[in-house]
Amino acid sequence: MRLTGVIVRNAGVDWAAPGNCYWRHQVARREAARVVLHGQAEFEASHVVLSGDQTFEARAPAARPPALSSRYAGKCSSLA
C-alpha cells in the first residue's frame, strides 16, 4: 500500500466512549478510512482527500497460466 499526499477528514475516534481501551487498540470510532487488501493486492492513492466513513477493498489479480515458451510455437496446432 502506498499513500502519497493523502488527507483524511472524518470524525475519527470517539474519545468520550466509556469502553475505550487504548493499550489494546480497542476504541470506538465515529468514522474511519479503511483499506482492506485481499491476497497479494495493492492499493495506491496520491494527492486525494478521503472524507467521512469509507472502506476501500482491493482484490488480488486472478492468477494467469504460464505463457507458452516460444520454442513450442508452430510445432502443434493445439499450442498455437
N, C-alpha and C. Protein backbone atom coordinates (compact mmCIF):
# COMPACT_ATOMS: atom_id res chain seq x y z
N MET A 1 0.86 -1.16 0.00
CA MET A 1 0.00 0.00 0.00
C MET A 1 0.90 1.23 0.00
N ARG A 2 0.56 2.17 -0.88
CA ARG A 2 1.33 3.40 -0.96
C ARG A 2 0.37 4.58 -0.94
N LEU A 3 0.53 5.43 0.05
CA LEU A 3 -0.27 6.64 0.17
C LEU A 3 0.67 7.84 0.10
N THR A 4 0.44 8.72 -0.86
CA THR A 4 1.28 9.89 -1.04
C THR A 4 0.40 11.13 -1.04
N GLY A 5 0.62 12.02 -0.11
CA GLY A 5 -0.14 13.26 -0.05
C GLY A 5 -1.62 13.05 0.20
N VAL A 6 -1.97 12.02 0.97
CA VAL A 6 -3.38 11.71 1.25
C VAL A 6 -3.81 12.41 2.54
N ILE A 7 -4.97 13.05 2.50
CA ILE A 7 -5.53 13.71 3.68
C ILE A 7 -6.81 12.99 4.07
N VAL A 8 -6.95 12.66 5.36
CA VAL A 8 -8.16 12.00 5.86
C VAL A 8 -8.92 13.01 6.71
N ARG A 9 -10.18 13.26 6.34
CA ARG A 9 -11.04 14.17 7.09
C ARG A 9 -12.29 13.41 7.50
N ASN A 10 -12.36 13.06 8.78
CA ASN A 10 -13.55 12.39 9.29
C ASN A 10 -13.65 12.63 10.80
N ALA A 11 -14.73 12.12 11.39
CA ALA A 11 -14.96 12.33 12.82
C ALA A 11 -14.00 11.52 13.68
N GLY A 12 -13.42 10.46 13.15
CA GLY A 12 -12.39 9.69 13.84
C GLY A 12 -12.84 8.99 15.11
N VAL A 13 -11.98 8.98 16.10
CA VAL A 13 -12.18 8.26 17.36
C VAL A 13 -13.17 9.01 18.26
N ASP A 14 -14.03 8.24 18.92
CA ASP A 14 -14.94 8.81 19.92
C ASP A 14 -14.19 8.78 21.25
N TRP A 15 -13.50 9.86 21.56
CA TRP A 15 -12.64 9.91 22.75
C TRP A 15 -13.42 9.80 24.05
N ALA A 16 -14.72 10.10 24.05
CA ALA A 16 -15.52 10.06 25.27
C ALA A 16 -16.21 8.72 25.50
N ALA A 17 -16.05 7.77 24.59
CA ALA A 17 -16.70 6.47 24.75
C ALA A 17 -16.17 5.76 25.98
N PRO A 18 -17.05 5.23 26.84
CA PRO A 18 -16.59 4.62 28.09
C PRO A 18 -15.82 3.30 27.91
N GLY A 19 -16.02 2.60 26.80
CA GLY A 19 -15.36 1.30 26.62
C GLY A 19 -14.01 1.34 25.95
N ASN A 20 -13.48 2.51 25.69
CA ASN A 20 -12.18 2.61 25.02
C ASN A 20 -11.08 2.00 25.88
N CYS A 21 -10.28 1.15 25.26
CA CYS A 21 -9.11 0.56 25.92
C CYS A 21 -7.94 0.76 24.96
N TYR A 22 -7.22 1.85 25.17
CA TYR A 22 -6.23 2.29 24.20
C TYR A 22 -5.07 1.32 24.05
N TRP A 23 -4.59 0.75 25.13
CA TRP A 23 -3.43 -0.14 25.03
C TRP A 23 -3.77 -1.43 24.31
N ARG A 24 -5.05 -1.78 24.19
CA ARG A 24 -5.47 -2.95 23.40
C ARG A 24 -5.90 -2.56 21.99
N HIS A 25 -5.82 -1.29 21.70
CA HIS A 25 -6.26 -0.73 20.42
C HIS A 25 -7.74 -1.05 20.17
N GLN A 26 -8.52 -0.97 21.22
CA GLN A 26 -9.97 -1.16 21.15
C GLN A 26 -10.62 0.19 21.45
N VAL A 27 -10.93 0.90 20.40
CA VAL A 27 -11.51 2.23 20.56
C VAL A 27 -12.77 2.34 19.71
N ALA A 28 -13.73 3.09 20.21
CA ALA A 28 -14.95 3.36 19.45
C ALA A 28 -14.64 4.44 18.43
N ARG A 29 -15.13 4.25 17.23
CA ARG A 29 -14.88 5.22 16.17
C ARG A 29 -16.20 5.77 15.66
N ARG A 30 -16.22 7.05 15.40
CA ARG A 30 -17.38 7.67 14.76
C ARG A 30 -17.32 7.42 13.26
N GLU A 31 -16.14 7.63 12.69
CA GLU A 31 -15.91 7.39 11.27
C GLU A 31 -14.47 6.91 11.10
N ALA A 32 -14.22 6.19 10.01
CA ALA A 32 -12.86 5.70 9.75
C ALA A 32 -12.64 5.59 8.25
N ALA A 33 -11.40 5.69 7.83
CA ALA A 33 -10.99 5.40 6.46
C ALA A 33 -10.27 4.06 6.53
N ARG A 34 -10.82 3.04 5.85
CA ARG A 34 -10.25 1.69 5.89
C ARG A 34 -9.81 1.26 4.50
N VAL A 35 -8.69 0.55 4.45
CA VAL A 35 -8.22 -0.06 3.22
C VAL A 35 -8.04 -1.54 3.52
N VAL A 36 -8.79 -2.40 2.81
CA VAL A 36 -8.74 -3.84 3.02
C VAL A 36 -8.06 -4.46 1.80
N LEU A 37 -6.93 -5.14 2.02
CA LEU A 37 -6.20 -5.78 0.94
C LEU A 37 -6.41 -7.29 1.02
N HIS A 38 -6.85 -7.89 -0.07
CA HIS A 38 -7.07 -9.34 -0.14
C HIS A 38 -5.92 -9.98 -0.91
N GLY A 39 -5.33 -11.02 -0.34
CA GLY A 39 -4.25 -11.73 -1.02
C GLY A 39 -3.06 -10.84 -1.28
N GLN A 40 -2.59 -10.84 -2.52
CA GLN A 40 -1.42 -10.05 -2.92
C GLN A 40 -1.84 -8.71 -3.54
N ALA A 41 -2.98 -8.19 -3.12
CA ALA A 41 -3.50 -6.95 -3.69
C ALA A 41 -2.62 -5.76 -3.32
N GLU A 42 -2.74 -4.72 -4.12
CA GLU A 42 -2.02 -3.47 -3.88
C GLU A 42 -3.01 -2.31 -3.93
N PHE A 43 -2.68 -1.24 -3.22
CA PHE A 43 -3.52 -0.04 -3.21
C PHE A 43 -2.60 1.15 -3.23
N GLU A 44 -2.89 2.08 -4.12
CA GLU A 44 -2.06 3.28 -4.22
C GLU A 44 -2.99 4.49 -4.38
N ALA A 45 -2.75 5.52 -3.59
CA ALA A 45 -3.52 6.76 -3.68
C ALA A 45 -2.55 7.94 -3.60
N SER A 46 -2.77 8.92 -4.44
CA SER A 46 -1.89 10.09 -4.47
C SER A 46 -2.70 11.37 -4.51
N HIS A 47 -2.39 12.28 -3.60
CA HIS A 47 -2.94 13.63 -3.59
C HIS A 47 -4.47 13.65 -3.66
N VAL A 48 -5.09 12.94 -2.72
CA VAL A 48 -6.56 12.91 -2.63
C VAL A 48 -6.97 13.21 -1.19
N VAL A 49 -8.24 13.55 -1.02
CA VAL A 49 -8.81 13.76 0.31
C VAL A 49 -9.87 12.70 0.52
N LEU A 50 -9.73 11.91 1.59
CA LEU A 50 -10.72 10.90 1.95
C LEU A 50 -11.61 11.51 3.02
N SER A 51 -12.91 11.64 2.72
CA SER A 51 -13.84 12.30 3.64
C SER A 51 -14.87 11.32 4.15
N GLY A 52 -15.17 11.41 5.44
CA GLY A 52 -16.23 10.59 6.03
C GLY A 52 -15.81 9.15 6.27
N ASP A 53 -16.82 8.30 6.43
CA ASP A 53 -16.62 6.87 6.71
C ASP A 53 -16.53 6.12 5.39
N GLN A 54 -15.33 5.62 5.05
CA GLN A 54 -15.13 4.96 3.76
C GLN A 54 -14.32 3.69 3.92
N THR A 55 -14.63 2.71 3.10
CA THR A 55 -13.87 1.46 3.04
C THR A 55 -13.51 1.18 1.59
N PHE A 56 -12.24 0.93 1.34
CA PHE A 56 -11.76 0.57 0.01
C PHE A 56 -11.26 -0.86 0.07
N GLU A 57 -11.75 -1.71 -0.84
CA GLU A 57 -11.30 -3.11 -0.89
C GLU A 57 -10.57 -3.34 -2.20
N ALA A 58 -9.40 -3.94 -2.10
CA ALA A 58 -8.61 -4.27 -3.28
C ALA A 58 -8.40 -5.78 -3.31
N ARG A 59 -8.77 -6.38 -4.41
CA ARG A 59 -8.61 -7.83 -4.58
C ARG A 59 -7.38 -8.11 -5.43
N ALA A 60 -6.73 -9.22 -5.14
CA ALA A 60 -5.56 -9.62 -5.90
C ALA A 60 -5.99 -10.00 -7.31
N PRO A 61 -5.15 -9.72 -8.30
CA PRO A 61 -5.49 -10.12 -9.66
C PRO A 61 -5.56 -11.63 -9.76
N ALA A 62 -6.40 -12.13 -10.67
CA ALA A 62 -6.53 -13.58 -10.87
C ALA A 62 -5.21 -14.14 -11.38
N ALA A 63 -4.90 -15.34 -10.95
CA ALA A 63 -3.66 -15.99 -11.39
C ALA A 63 -3.75 -16.28 -12.87
N ARG A 64 -2.68 -16.01 -13.59
CA ARG A 64 -2.64 -16.26 -15.03
C ARG A 64 -1.84 -17.52 -15.28
N PRO A 65 -2.26 -18.34 -16.23
CA PRO A 65 -1.46 -19.52 -16.55
C PRO A 65 -0.12 -19.10 -17.15
N PRO A 66 0.90 -19.89 -16.96
CA PRO A 66 2.21 -19.51 -17.51
C PRO A 66 2.15 -19.45 -19.03
N ALA A 67 2.88 -18.53 -19.60
CA ALA A 67 2.92 -18.38 -21.06
C ALA A 67 3.66 -19.55 -21.68
N LEU A 68 3.24 -19.93 -22.89
CA LEU A 68 3.93 -20.99 -23.60
C LEU A 68 5.29 -20.49 -24.08
N SER A 69 6.24 -21.35 -24.02
CA SER A 69 7.58 -21.00 -24.48
C SER A 69 7.55 -20.80 -25.99
N SER A 70 8.33 -19.87 -26.50
CA SER A 70 8.35 -19.59 -27.93
C SER A 70 8.89 -20.77 -28.73
N ARG A 71 9.63 -21.67 -28.10
CA ARG A 71 10.18 -22.82 -28.85
C ARG A 71 9.09 -23.80 -29.26
N TYR A 72 7.90 -23.73 -28.62
CA TYR A 72 6.81 -24.61 -28.97
C TYR A 72 5.86 -23.97 -29.98
N ALA A 73 6.02 -22.72 -30.27
CA ALA A 73 5.11 -22.02 -31.19
C ALA A 73 5.21 -22.63 -32.58
N GLY A 74 4.07 -22.97 -33.17
CA GLY A 74 4.02 -23.52 -34.52
C GLY A 74 4.29 -25.00 -34.60
N LYS A 75 4.71 -25.67 -33.53
CA LYS A 75 5.01 -27.10 -33.56
C LYS A 75 3.74 -27.94 -33.52
N CYS A 76 2.72 -27.43 -32.90
CA CYS A 76 1.49 -28.18 -32.67
C CYS A 76 0.33 -27.22 -32.83
N SER A 77 -0.70 -27.62 -33.49
CA SER A 77 -1.82 -26.71 -33.68
C SER A 77 -2.55 -26.40 -32.37
N SER A 78 -2.50 -27.32 -31.39
CA SER A 78 -3.18 -27.08 -30.13
C SER A 78 -2.46 -26.08 -29.24
N LEU A 79 -1.19 -25.83 -29.51
CA LEU A 79 -0.42 -24.88 -28.70
C LEU A 79 -0.36 -23.50 -29.33
N ALA A 80 -0.70 -23.38 -30.57
CA ALA A 80 -0.58 -22.10 -31.27
C ALA A 80 -1.71 -21.17 -30.95
